[in-house]
């Protein structure tokens, strides 16, 4: 089960992962932006992985990432109203695979009957 870190935890220092996280990013208009996700219940969450291998296994080998400490990731997401950080999520959809377009189907004209 993924570890959820919240601001209101009684002792969040005991639950923080050691070292910087591998944070998935996407290209933005002025650089890169951290990707935000949703928990199974629909809450928005920032996500970090404890290794590049775990990130690639969950989001695919082509996923861009940066290294951020958990407090920095939390500070980055806070202005967007995101207060949850999920570390090493495991329950996710598989990484998307390229889709091959289907060949067009030939349509033959039909006779339309009226009553």
Protein backbone atom coordinates (compact mmCIF):
# COMPACT_ATOMS: atom_id res chain seq x y z
CA UNK A 1 0.00 0.00 0.00
CA UNK A 2 1.40 3.45 -0.81
CA UNK A 3 2.50 5.61 2.04
CA UNK A 4 0.48 8.82 2.39
CA UNK A 5 2.12 11.76 4.13
CA UNK A 6 -0.11 14.54 5.41
CA UNK A 7 0.53 17.90 7.05
CA UNK A 8 -1.69 16.96 9.98
CA UNK A 9 0.21 13.76 10.91
CA UNK A 10 1.06 13.73 14.61
CA UNK A 11 4.73 12.97 13.88
CA UNK A 12 5.38 13.15 10.14
CA UNK A 13 9.18 13.09 10.60
CA UNK A 14 8.97 9.39 11.53
CA UNK A 15 7.19 8.56 8.26
CA UNK A 16 9.22 10.60 5.76
CA UNK A 17 11.38 8.63 3.36
CA UNK A 18 15.13 9.01 3.69
CA UNK A 19 16.74 11.13 0.99
CA UNK A 20 15.34 12.90 -2.06
CA UNK A 21 12.48 11.38 -4.03
CA UNK A 22 12.27 10.74 -7.76
CA UNK A 23 9.35 13.00 -8.75
CA UNK A 24 7.64 12.55 -12.14
CA UNK A 25 7.49 15.74 -14.21
CA UNK A 26 5.97 16.90 -17.49
CA UNK A 27 7.09 19.68 -19.84
CA UNK A 28 5.48 23.04 -19.15
CA UNK A 29 5.54 26.48 -20.77
CA UNK A 30 8.64 27.60 -18.82
CA UNK A 31 10.36 24.32 -17.94
CA UNK A 32 9.08 21.25 -16.15
CA UNK A 33 6.18 20.84 -13.72
CA UNK A 34 5.61 18.09 -11.18
CA UNK A 35 2.84 15.72 -12.25
CA UNK A 36 -0.07 15.44 -9.86
CA UNK A 37 -2.17 12.31 -9.56
CA UNK A 38 -5.36 11.16 -7.84
CA UNK A 39 -5.70 8.65 -5.05
CA UNK A 40 -8.16 5.75 -5.49
CA UNK A 41 -10.71 7.94 -3.68
CA UNK A 42 -10.17 10.86 -6.08
CA UNK A 43 -8.07 13.15 -3.84
CA UNK A 44 -5.26 15.00 -5.62
CA UNK A 45 -1.79 13.95 -4.51
CA UNK A 46 1.83 14.70 -5.30
CA UNK A 47 3.84 11.55 -5.96
CA UNK A 48 7.45 10.61 -5.31
CA UNK A 49 9.37 7.36 -5.71
CA UNK A 50 12.28 6.09 -3.63
CA UNK A 51 14.13 4.88 -6.74
CA UNK A 52 14.22 5.52 -10.47
CA UNK A 53 13.51 1.81 -10.97
CA UNK A 54 10.23 2.04 -9.04
CA UNK A 55 9.21 5.16 -10.98
CA UNK A 56 9.92 3.45 -14.33
CA UNK A 57 8.07 0.27 -13.25
CA UNK A 58 4.97 2.32 -12.43
CA UNK A 59 4.99 5.09 -15.06
CA UNK A 60 7.14 3.65 -17.82
CA UNK A 61 10.81 4.04 -18.73
CA UNK A 62 10.24 7.25 -20.71
CA UNK A 63 8.82 9.20 -17.75
CA UNK A 64 10.93 12.31 -17.00
CA UNK A 65 11.75 12.97 -13.35
CA UNK A 66 13.61 15.28 -10.98
CA UNK A 67 14.99 14.73 -7.49
CA UNK A 68 13.21 16.59 -4.69
CA UNK A 69 13.11 16.16 -0.94
CA UNK A 70 9.63 15.43 0.44
CA UNK A 71 9.32 18.89 2.09
CA UNK A 72 10.22 20.57 -1.23
CA UNK A 73 7.63 18.48 -3.10
CA UNK A 74 5.03 19.36 -0.48
CA UNK A 75 5.89 23.08 -0.77
CA UNK A 76 5.62 22.87 -4.56
CA UNK A 77 2.16 21.27 -4.42
CA UNK A 78 0.70 23.33 -1.55
CA UNK A 79 -0.21 26.45 -3.62
CA UNK A 80 -2.35 24.14 -5.78
CA UNK A 81 -4.29 22.92 -2.74
CA UNK A 82 -2.56 19.54 -2.70
CA UNK A 83 -1.66 18.49 0.86
CA UNK A 84 -1.01 14.78 0.33
CA UNK A 85 2.24 13.20 -0.83
CA UNK A 86 2.12 9.57 -1.91
CA UNK A 87 5.42 7.68 -1.83
CA UNK A 88 5.93 4.63 -4.07
CA UNK A 89 2.33 4.17 -5.24
CA UNK A 90 1.72 0.62 -6.40
CA UNK A 91 -1.96 0.58 -7.29
CA UNK A 92 -1.91 2.35 -10.63
CA UNK A 93 -2.89 1.70 -14.19
CA UNK A 94 -0.08 0.32 -16.35
CA UNK A 95 2.00 2.77 -18.35
CA UNK A 96 0.31 3.60 -21.66
CA UNK A 97 1.48 1.76 -24.74
CA UNK A 98 1.41 3.14 -28.28
CA UNK A 99 -1.78 2.32 -30.15
CA UNK A 100 -1.61 1.17 -33.74
CA UNK A 101 -4.36 2.79 -35.81
CA UNK A 102 -6.87 0.38 -37.27
CA UNK A 103 -7.27 0.09 -41.03
CA UNK A 104 -10.41 1.79 -42.35
CA UNK A 105 -13.37 -0.51 -42.97
CA UNK A 106 -15.01 -0.42 -46.37
CA UNK A 107 -18.68 0.48 -46.09
CA UNK A 108 -21.11 -0.67 -48.73
CA UNK A 109 -24.21 1.38 -49.53
CA UNK A 110 -27.50 0.08 -48.11
CA UNK A 111 -30.92 0.26 -49.59
CA UNK A 112 -33.18 2.39 -47.44
CA UNK A 113 -36.81 1.28 -47.35
CA UNK A 114 -39.63 3.49 -46.36
CA UNK A 115 -43.05 2.33 -45.20
